[in-house]
Amino acid sequence: MGLNINLEGEVAKVVENITHEVKSRAYRASTALRDSALDVLSNKRKRSGKVYRKPFTKKATYTASAPGEAPALRSGSLRMSWRQRTASEGAGKDLTARPAITTDVKYAPWLDEGTPKMAPRPFKEPIIEHAMPNIRRIFNQPY
């Protein structure tokens, strides 16, 4: 008398649950990146560049970023333009999920990399560094 147990259905459910969890964590990590972008590009970080009068005002001023600092907040367009994006490919043991954020602000690369007339105001690396502890925590939770 043999015992015949079919575990295929149960294994498929476990794989499906883990796949869902991996995608969920990628989305949560993308949210952590966006939150980090909001923080790095916020007004609460001190800037040490020139002080300018805000356009169309009589007295209001803002402090620009100096070379090497993340861009200062003036209009808020760059700061508020970040959107979460997750990419996943494969399935089962070959599933890869990549958290990311993206912006459609045309001048973002010029700020981050600089131009012939302007030194870089890097923000990509500071955003990633600021978010990494939270991202590690998200992905290191047990499944």
N, C-alpha and C. Protein backbone atom coordinates (compact mmCIF):
# COMPACT_ATOMS: atom_id res chain seq x y z
N MET A 1 0.85 -1.17 0.00
CA MET A 1 0.00 0.00 0.00
C MET A 1 0.90 1.24 0.00
N GLY A 2 0.77 2.07 -1.04
CA GLY A 2 1.58 3.28 -1.14
C GLY A 2 0.75 4.52 -0.85
N LEU A 3 1.44 5.52 -0.43
CA LEU A 3 0.78 6.80 -0.14
C LEU A 3 1.11 7.76 -1.29
N ASN A 4 0.13 8.23 -1.97
CA ASN A 4 0.32 9.10 -3.11
C ASN A 4 -0.23 10.48 -2.75
N ILE A 5 0.68 11.46 -2.62
CA ILE A 5 0.26 12.82 -2.24
C ILE A 5 0.60 13.75 -3.41
N ASN A 6 -0.37 14.53 -3.83
CA ASN A 6 -0.16 15.49 -4.91
C ASN A 6 -0.02 16.88 -4.30
N LEU A 7 1.19 17.40 -4.35
CA LEU A 7 1.46 18.72 -3.76
C LEU A 7 1.52 19.83 -4.81
N GLU A 8 1.32 19.50 -6.07
CA GLU A 8 1.44 20.49 -7.13
C GLU A 8 0.57 21.71 -6.89
N GLY A 9 -0.67 21.50 -6.54
CA GLY A 9 -1.59 22.61 -6.30
C GLY A 9 -1.14 23.49 -5.15
N GLU A 10 -0.68 22.87 -4.06
CA GLU A 10 -0.22 23.64 -2.90
C GLU A 10 1.05 24.42 -3.22
N VAL A 11 1.97 23.80 -3.94
CA VAL A 11 3.21 24.48 -4.33
C VAL A 11 2.88 25.66 -5.24
N ALA A 12 1.96 25.48 -6.17
CA ALA A 12 1.56 26.55 -7.08
C ALA A 12 0.99 27.74 -6.30
N LYS A 13 0.20 27.46 -5.25
CA LYS A 13 -0.36 28.54 -4.42
C LYS A 13 0.74 29.29 -3.69
N VAL A 14 1.73 28.57 -3.15
CA VAL A 14 2.85 29.20 -2.44
C VAL A 14 3.64 30.08 -3.41
N VAL A 15 3.93 29.57 -4.60
CA VAL A 15 4.66 30.35 -5.60
C VAL A 15 3.87 31.59 -5.98
N GLU A 16 2.57 31.45 -6.15
CA GLU A 16 1.72 32.60 -6.50
C GLU A 16 1.75 33.65 -5.38
N ASN A 17 1.67 33.20 -4.13
CA ASN A 17 1.71 34.14 -3.00
C ASN A 17 3.05 34.86 -2.93
N ILE A 18 4.14 34.14 -3.14
CA ILE A 18 5.47 34.76 -3.10
C ILE A 18 5.62 35.74 -4.26
N THR A 19 5.13 35.38 -5.44
CA THR A 19 5.19 36.28 -6.59
C THR A 19 4.44 37.58 -6.29
N HIS A 20 3.26 37.46 -5.72
CA HIS A 20 2.48 38.64 -5.33
C HIS A 20 3.25 39.47 -4.31
N GLU A 21 3.87 38.81 -3.34
CA GLU A 21 4.62 39.52 -2.29
C GLU A 21 5.83 40.24 -2.87
N VAL A 22 6.54 39.62 -3.80
CA VAL A 22 7.71 40.26 -4.42
C VAL A 22 7.27 41.52 -5.17
N LYS A 23 6.19 41.44 -5.93
CA LYS A 23 5.69 42.60 -6.66
C LYS A 23 5.22 43.69 -5.70
N SER A 24 4.58 43.29 -4.62
CA SER A 24 4.14 44.24 -3.61
C SER A 24 5.33 44.96 -2.97
N ARG A 25 6.37 44.21 -2.68
CA ARG A 25 7.56 44.82 -2.09
C ARG A 25 8.25 45.76 -3.06
N ALA A 26 8.26 45.42 -4.34
CA ALA A 26 8.85 46.31 -5.34
C ALA A 26 8.08 47.63 -5.38
N TYR A 27 6.75 47.55 -5.30
CA TYR A 27 5.94 48.77 -5.28
C TYR A 27 6.22 49.58 -4.01
N ARG A 28 6.30 48.90 -2.87
CA ARG A 28 6.61 49.60 -1.61
C ARG A 28 8.00 50.24 -1.66
N ALA A 29 8.95 49.56 -2.29
CA ALA A 29 10.29 50.13 -2.43
C ALA A 29 10.26 51.34 -3.36
N SER A 30 9.45 51.30 -4.41
CA SER A 30 9.29 52.46 -5.28
C SER A 30 8.69 53.63 -4.51
N THR A 31 7.75 53.34 -3.64
CA THR A 31 7.17 54.38 -2.80
C THR A 31 8.23 54.96 -1.87
N ALA A 32 9.10 54.12 -1.32
CA ALA A 32 10.20 54.61 -0.48
C ALA A 32 11.13 55.51 -1.27
N LEU A 33 11.40 55.17 -2.53
CA LEU A 33 12.22 56.04 -3.38
C LEU A 33 11.54 57.38 -3.62
N ARG A 34 10.24 57.35 -3.89
CA ARG A 34 9.52 58.61 -4.11
C ARG A 34 9.51 59.46 -2.84
N ASP A 35 9.28 58.84 -1.70
CA ASP A 35 9.32 59.58 -0.43
C ASP A 35 10.69 60.19 -0.21
N SER A 36 11.72 59.45 -0.56
CA SER A 36 13.09 59.94 -0.43
C SER A 36 13.31 61.14 -1.35
N ALA A 37 12.80 61.06 -2.58
CA ALA A 37 12.92 62.18 -3.52
C ALA A 37 12.24 63.42 -2.95
N LEU A 38 11.07 63.24 -2.36
CA LEU A 38 10.36 64.37 -1.77
C LEU A 38 11.17 65.00 -0.65
N ASP A 39 11.87 64.16 0.12
CA ASP A 39 12.68 64.67 1.23
C ASP A 39 13.96 65.35 0.72
N VAL A 40 14.67 64.69 -0.17
CA VAL A 40 15.93 65.24 -0.67
C VAL A 40 15.71 66.58 -1.38
N LEU A 41 14.60 66.71 -2.07
CA LEU A 41 14.31 67.92 -2.84
C LEU A 41 13.41 68.90 -2.08
N SER A 42 13.34 68.77 -0.77
CA SER A 42 12.44 69.62 0.01
C SER A 42 13.12 70.90 0.47
N ASN A 43 12.30 71.79 1.00
CA ASN A 43 12.81 73.06 1.55
C ASN A 43 13.45 72.88 2.92
N LYS A 44 13.22 71.76 3.58
CA LYS A 44 13.77 71.61 4.93
C LYS A 44 15.28 71.35 4.92
N ARG A 45 15.84 71.08 3.74
CA ARG A 45 17.29 70.92 3.63
C ARG A 45 17.90 72.28 3.32
N LYS A 46 18.92 72.62 4.04
CA LYS A 46 19.57 73.92 3.87
C LYS A 46 20.37 73.95 2.58
N ARG A 47 20.29 75.05 1.87
CA ARG A 47 21.08 75.28 0.67
C ARG A 47 22.05 76.43 0.95
N SER A 48 23.16 76.43 0.26
CA SER A 48 24.17 77.46 0.54
C SER A 48 24.56 78.25 -0.69
N GLY A 49 23.69 78.29 -1.69
CA GLY A 49 23.97 79.05 -2.91
C GLY A 49 23.54 80.50 -2.76
N LYS A 50 23.42 81.18 -3.88
CA LYS A 50 23.01 82.59 -3.90
C LYS A 50 21.57 82.74 -3.45
N VAL A 51 21.26 83.90 -2.93
CA VAL A 51 19.89 84.24 -2.54
C VAL A 51 19.29 85.07 -3.67
N TYR A 52 18.13 84.65 -4.16
CA TYR A 52 17.45 85.32 -5.26
C TYR A 52 16.07 85.76 -4.82
N ARG A 53 15.56 86.80 -5.50
CA ARG A 53 14.17 87.20 -5.29
C ARG A 53 13.31 86.27 -6.13
N LYS A 54 12.23 85.78 -5.54
CA LYS A 54 11.32 84.91 -6.29
C LYS A 54 10.66 85.73 -7.39
N PRO A 55 10.55 85.16 -8.58
CA PRO A 55 9.92 85.89 -9.68
C PRO A 55 8.49 86.31 -9.34
N PHE A 56 8.12 87.47 -9.81
CA PHE A 56 6.76 88.02 -9.67
C PHE A 56 6.41 88.35 -8.22
N THR A 57 7.42 88.55 -7.38
CA THR A 57 7.18 88.99 -6.00
C THR A 57 8.04 90.22 -5.73
N LYS A 58 7.69 90.95 -4.67
CA LYS A 58 8.47 92.15 -4.34
C LYS A 58 9.56 91.87 -3.32
N LYS A 59 9.29 90.98 -2.35
CA LYS A 59 10.26 90.76 -1.28
C LYS A 59 10.64 89.31 -1.05
N ALA A 60 9.83 88.38 -1.49
CA ALA A 60 10.08 86.97 -1.20
C ALA A 60 11.37 86.50 -1.88
N THR A 61 12.17 85.75 -1.13
CA THR A 61 13.44 85.25 -1.68
C THR A 61 13.55 83.74 -1.45
N TYR A 62 14.50 83.15 -2.13
CA TYR A 62 14.83 81.75 -1.90
C TYR A 62 16.34 81.61 -2.06
N THR A 63 16.89 80.59 -1.41
CA THR A 63 18.32 80.31 -1.50
C THR A 63 18.51 79.18 -2.49
N ALA A 64 19.29 79.44 -3.53
CA ALA A 64 19.56 78.44 -4.55
C ALA A 64 20.54 77.41 -4.02
N SER A 65 20.67 76.32 -4.73
CA SER A 65 21.65 75.30 -4.35
C SER A 65 23.02 75.71 -4.88
N ALA A 66 24.03 75.32 -4.14
CA ALA A 66 25.40 75.52 -4.59
C ALA A 66 25.81 74.29 -5.39
N PRO A 67 26.87 74.40 -6.21
CA PRO A 67 27.34 73.21 -6.92
C PRO A 67 27.60 72.05 -5.95
N GLY A 68 27.12 70.87 -6.33
CA GLY A 68 27.28 69.68 -5.49
C GLY A 68 26.13 69.42 -4.54
N GLU A 69 25.26 70.41 -4.33
CA GLU A 69 24.08 70.21 -3.48
C GLU A 69 22.90 69.79 -4.35
N ALA A 70 21.93 69.10 -3.73
CA ALA A 70 20.70 68.78 -4.45
C ALA A 70 20.00 70.08 -4.83
N PRO A 71 19.26 70.10 -5.93
CA PRO A 71 18.60 71.33 -6.36
C PRO A 71 17.68 71.90 -5.29
N ALA A 72 17.71 73.22 -5.21
CA ALA A 72 16.82 73.91 -4.27
C ALA A 72 15.40 73.90 -4.82
N LEU A 73 14.45 74.04 -3.92
CA LEU A 73 13.04 74.06 -4.29
C LEU A 73 12.65 75.49 -4.63
N ARG A 74 12.23 75.71 -5.86
CA ARG A 74 11.74 77.03 -6.25
C ARG A 74 10.29 76.93 -6.68
N SER A 75 10.01 76.18 -7.73
CA SER A 75 8.63 76.05 -8.19
C SER A 75 7.99 74.77 -7.68
N GLY A 76 8.79 73.75 -7.38
CA GLY A 76 8.27 72.48 -6.91
C GLY A 76 7.98 71.50 -8.03
N SER A 77 8.22 71.89 -9.28
CA SER A 77 7.90 71.01 -10.42
C SER A 77 8.69 69.71 -10.39
N LEU A 78 10.00 69.80 -10.17
CA LEU A 78 10.82 68.59 -10.13
C LEU A 78 10.43 67.72 -8.95
N ARG A 79 10.26 68.33 -7.81
CA ARG A 79 9.94 67.57 -6.59
C ARG A 79 8.63 66.81 -6.72
N MET A 80 7.62 67.43 -7.29
CA MET A 80 6.30 66.79 -7.35
C MET A 80 6.10 65.92 -8.59
N SER A 81 7.09 65.85 -9.47
CA SER A 81 6.91 65.11 -10.72
C SER A 81 7.24 63.62 -10.61
N TRP A 82 7.79 63.17 -9.50
CA TRP A 82 8.23 61.77 -9.40
C TRP A 82 7.05 60.82 -9.33
N ARG A 83 7.12 59.76 -10.11
CA ARG A 83 6.08 58.72 -10.14
C ARG A 83 6.72 57.36 -9.92
N GLN A 84 6.02 56.51 -9.17
CA GLN A 84 6.51 55.14 -8.93
C GLN A 84 6.38 54.33 -10.21
N ARG A 85 7.31 53.43 -10.38
CA ARG A 85 7.24 52.51 -11.50
C ARG A 85 7.88 51.20 -11.05
N THR A 86 7.21 50.11 -11.28
CA THR A 86 7.81 48.81 -10.99
C THR A 86 7.81 47.99 -12.26
N ALA A 87 8.89 47.29 -12.45
CA ALA A 87 9.01 46.41 -13.61
C ALA A 87 9.25 45.01 -13.08
N SER A 88 8.49 44.07 -13.54
CA SER A 88 8.72 42.69 -13.15
C SER A 88 8.74 41.84 -14.41
N GLU A 89 9.60 40.85 -14.36
CA GLU A 89 9.70 39.94 -15.50
C GLU A 89 10.00 38.55 -14.98
N GLY A 90 9.66 37.58 -15.75
CA GLY A 90 9.87 36.19 -15.36
C GLY A 90 8.76 35.72 -14.45
N ALA A 91 8.93 34.51 -13.95
CA ALA A 91 7.95 33.92 -13.04
C ALA A 91 8.64 32.88 -12.18
N GLY A 92 7.98 32.53 -11.09
CA GLY A 92 8.53 31.50 -10.20
C GLY A 92 9.90 31.88 -9.67
N LYS A 93 10.83 30.96 -9.74
CA LYS A 93 12.16 31.21 -9.17
C LYS A 93 12.96 32.22 -9.99
N ASP A 94 12.51 32.54 -11.22
CA ASP A 94 13.21 33.49 -12.08
C ASP A 94 12.57 34.87 -12.08
N LEU A 95 11.67 35.15 -11.14
CA LEU A 95 11.00 36.44 -11.08
C LEU A 95 11.99 37.52 -10.66
N THR A 96 12.00 38.62 -11.38
CA THR A 96 12.79 39.79 -11.03
C THR A 96 11.85 40.98 -10.97
N ALA A 97 11.89 41.71 -9.87
CA ALA A 97 11.07 42.91 -9.71
C ALA A 97 12.01 44.08 -9.41
N ARG A 98 11.85 45.16 -10.17
CA ARG A 98 12.72 46.31 -10.02
C ARG A 98 11.91 47.53 -9.59
N PRO A 99 12.17 48.04 -8.40
CA PRO A 99 11.50 49.28 -8.00
C PRO A 99 12.19 50.46 -8.68
N ALA A 100 11.43 51.47 -9.03
CA ALA A 100 12.01 52.65 -9.67
C ALA A 100 11.05 53.82 -9.53
N ILE A 101 11.61 55.01 -9.74
CA ILE A 101 10.79 56.20 -9.86
C ILE A 101 11.25 56.91 -11.13
N THR A 102 10.37 57.71 -11.69
CA THR A 102 10.70 58.40 -12.93
C THR A 102 10.11 59.81 -12.89
N THR A 103 10.73 60.69 -13.64
CA THR A 103 10.22 62.06 -13.75
C THR A 103 10.17 62.43 -15.22
N ASP A 104 9.23 63.28 -15.58
CA ASP A 104 9.15 63.75 -16.96
C ASP A 104 9.60 65.21 -17.08
N VAL A 105 10.22 65.73 -16.03
CA VAL A 105 10.70 67.11 -16.06
C VAL A 105 11.92 67.16 -16.98
N LYS A 106 11.84 67.99 -18.00
CA LYS A 106 12.85 68.05 -19.06
C LYS A 106 14.24 68.42 -18.53
N TYR A 107 14.31 69.28 -17.53
CA TYR A 107 15.60 69.78 -17.07
C TYR A 107 16.23 68.94 -15.96
N ALA A 108 15.58 67.85 -15.55
CA ALA A 108 16.12 67.01 -14.49
C ALA A 108 17.53 66.49 -14.80
N PRO A 109 17.80 65.96 -16.00
CA PRO A 109 19.17 65.48 -16.28
C PRO A 109 20.19 66.62 -16.25
N TRP A 110 19.79 67.81 -16.67
CA TRP A 110 20.73 68.94 -16.66
C TRP A 110 21.12 69.29 -15.23
N LEU A 111 20.15 69.26 -14.33
CA LEU A 111 20.47 69.54 -12.93
C LEU A 111 21.38 68.46 -12.35
N ASP A 112 21.04 67.20 -12.57
CA ASP A 112 21.78 66.10 -11.97
C ASP A 112 23.20 65.98 -12.53
N GLU A 113 23.36 66.17 -13.83
CA GLU A 113 24.65 65.95 -14.48
C GLU A 113 25.41 67.23 -14.75
N GLY A 114 24.73 68.37 -14.69
CA GLY A 114 25.37 69.64 -15.01
C GLY A 114 25.32 69.91 -16.50
N THR A 115 25.75 71.09 -16.89
CA THR A 115 25.84 71.51 -18.29
C THR A 115 27.18 72.22 -18.45
N PRO A 116 27.54 72.59 -19.66
CA PRO A 116 28.79 73.34 -19.82
C PRO A 116 28.81 74.66 -19.04
N LYS A 117 27.61 75.20 -18.75
CA LYS A 117 27.55 76.48 -18.04
C LYS A 117 27.13 76.35 -16.58
N MET A 118 26.84 75.13 -16.12
CA MET A 118 26.36 74.95 -14.73
C MET A 118 26.94 73.68 -14.14
N ALA A 119 27.46 73.78 -12.94
CA ALA A 119 27.97 72.61 -12.24
C ALA A 119 26.79 71.72 -11.81
N PRO A 120 27.03 70.42 -11.68
CA PRO A 120 25.93 69.51 -11.31
C PRO A 120 25.32 69.82 -9.95
N ARG A 121 24.04 69.58 -9.86
CA ARG A 121 23.27 69.61 -8.61
C ARG A 121 22.73 68.19 -8.44
N PRO A 122 23.58 67.24 -8.02
CA PRO A 122 23.17 65.83 -8.02
C PRO A 122 22.04 65.54 -7.04
N PHE A 123 21.10 64.75 -7.51
CA PHE A 123 20.00 64.34 -6.64
C PHE A 123 19.72 62.85 -6.72
N LYS A 124 20.09 62.17 -7.82
CA LYS A 124 19.79 60.74 -7.95
C LYS A 124 20.46 59.92 -6.85
N GLU A 125 21.76 60.08 -6.70
CA GLU A 125 22.48 59.29 -5.69
C GLU A 125 22.00 59.63 -4.27
N PRO A 126 21.81 60.92 -3.91
CA PRO A 126 21.28 61.19 -2.58
C PRO A 126 19.90 60.58 -2.32
N ILE A 127 19.06 60.54 -3.35
CA ILE A 127 17.73 59.91 -3.20
C ILE A 127 17.90 58.43 -2.90
N ILE A 128 18.75 57.75 -3.66
CA ILE A 128 18.97 56.31 -3.47
C ILE A 128 19.58 56.03 -2.10
N GLU A 129 20.61 56.80 -1.72
CA GLU A 129 21.26 56.60 -0.42
C GLU A 129 20.27 56.80 0.73
N HIS A 130 19.42 57.81 0.60
CA HIS A 130 18.44 58.11 1.64
C HIS A 130 17.40 57.00 1.76
N ALA A 131 17.05 56.37 0.62
CA ALA A 131 16.00 55.35 0.61
C ALA A 131 16.51 53.95 0.94
N MET A 132 17.80 53.68 0.76
CA MET A 132 18.32 52.31 0.88
C MET A 132 18.01 51.63 2.22
N PRO A 133 18.16 52.26 3.37
CA PRO A 133 17.81 51.55 4.61
C PRO A 133 16.37 51.04 4.63
N ASN A 134 15.46 51.86 4.15
CA ASN A 134 14.05 51.47 4.11
C ASN A 134 13.82 50.36 3.08
N ILE A 135 14.47 50.45 1.93
CA ILE A 135 14.33 49.42 0.89
C ILE A 135 14.88 48.09 1.39
N ARG A 136 16.03 48.12 2.06
CA ARG A 136 16.59 46.88 2.61
C ARG A 136 15.64 46.26 3.63
N ARG A 137 15.04 47.10 4.46
CA ARG A 137 14.09 46.60 5.46
C ARG A 137 12.90 45.93 4.78
N ILE A 138 12.41 46.54 3.71
CA ILE A 138 11.26 45.99 2.97
C ILE A 138 11.58 44.61 2.40
N PHE A 139 12.73 44.49 1.75
CA PHE A 139 13.07 43.22 1.10
C PHE A 139 13.63 42.17 2.04
N ASN A 140 14.08 42.57 3.23
CA ASN A 140 14.62 41.60 4.19
C ASN A 140 13.57 41.01 5.10
N GLN A 141 12.33 41.44 5.02
CA GLN A 141 11.27 40.84 5.82
C GLN A 141 11.07 39.41 5.38
N PRO A 142 10.76 38.53 6.32
CA PRO A 142 10.53 37.13 5.92
C PRO A 142 9.29 37.00 5.03
N TYR A 143 9.34 36.02 4.15
CA TYR A 143 8.21 35.74 3.25
C TYR A 143 7.22 34.83 3.92
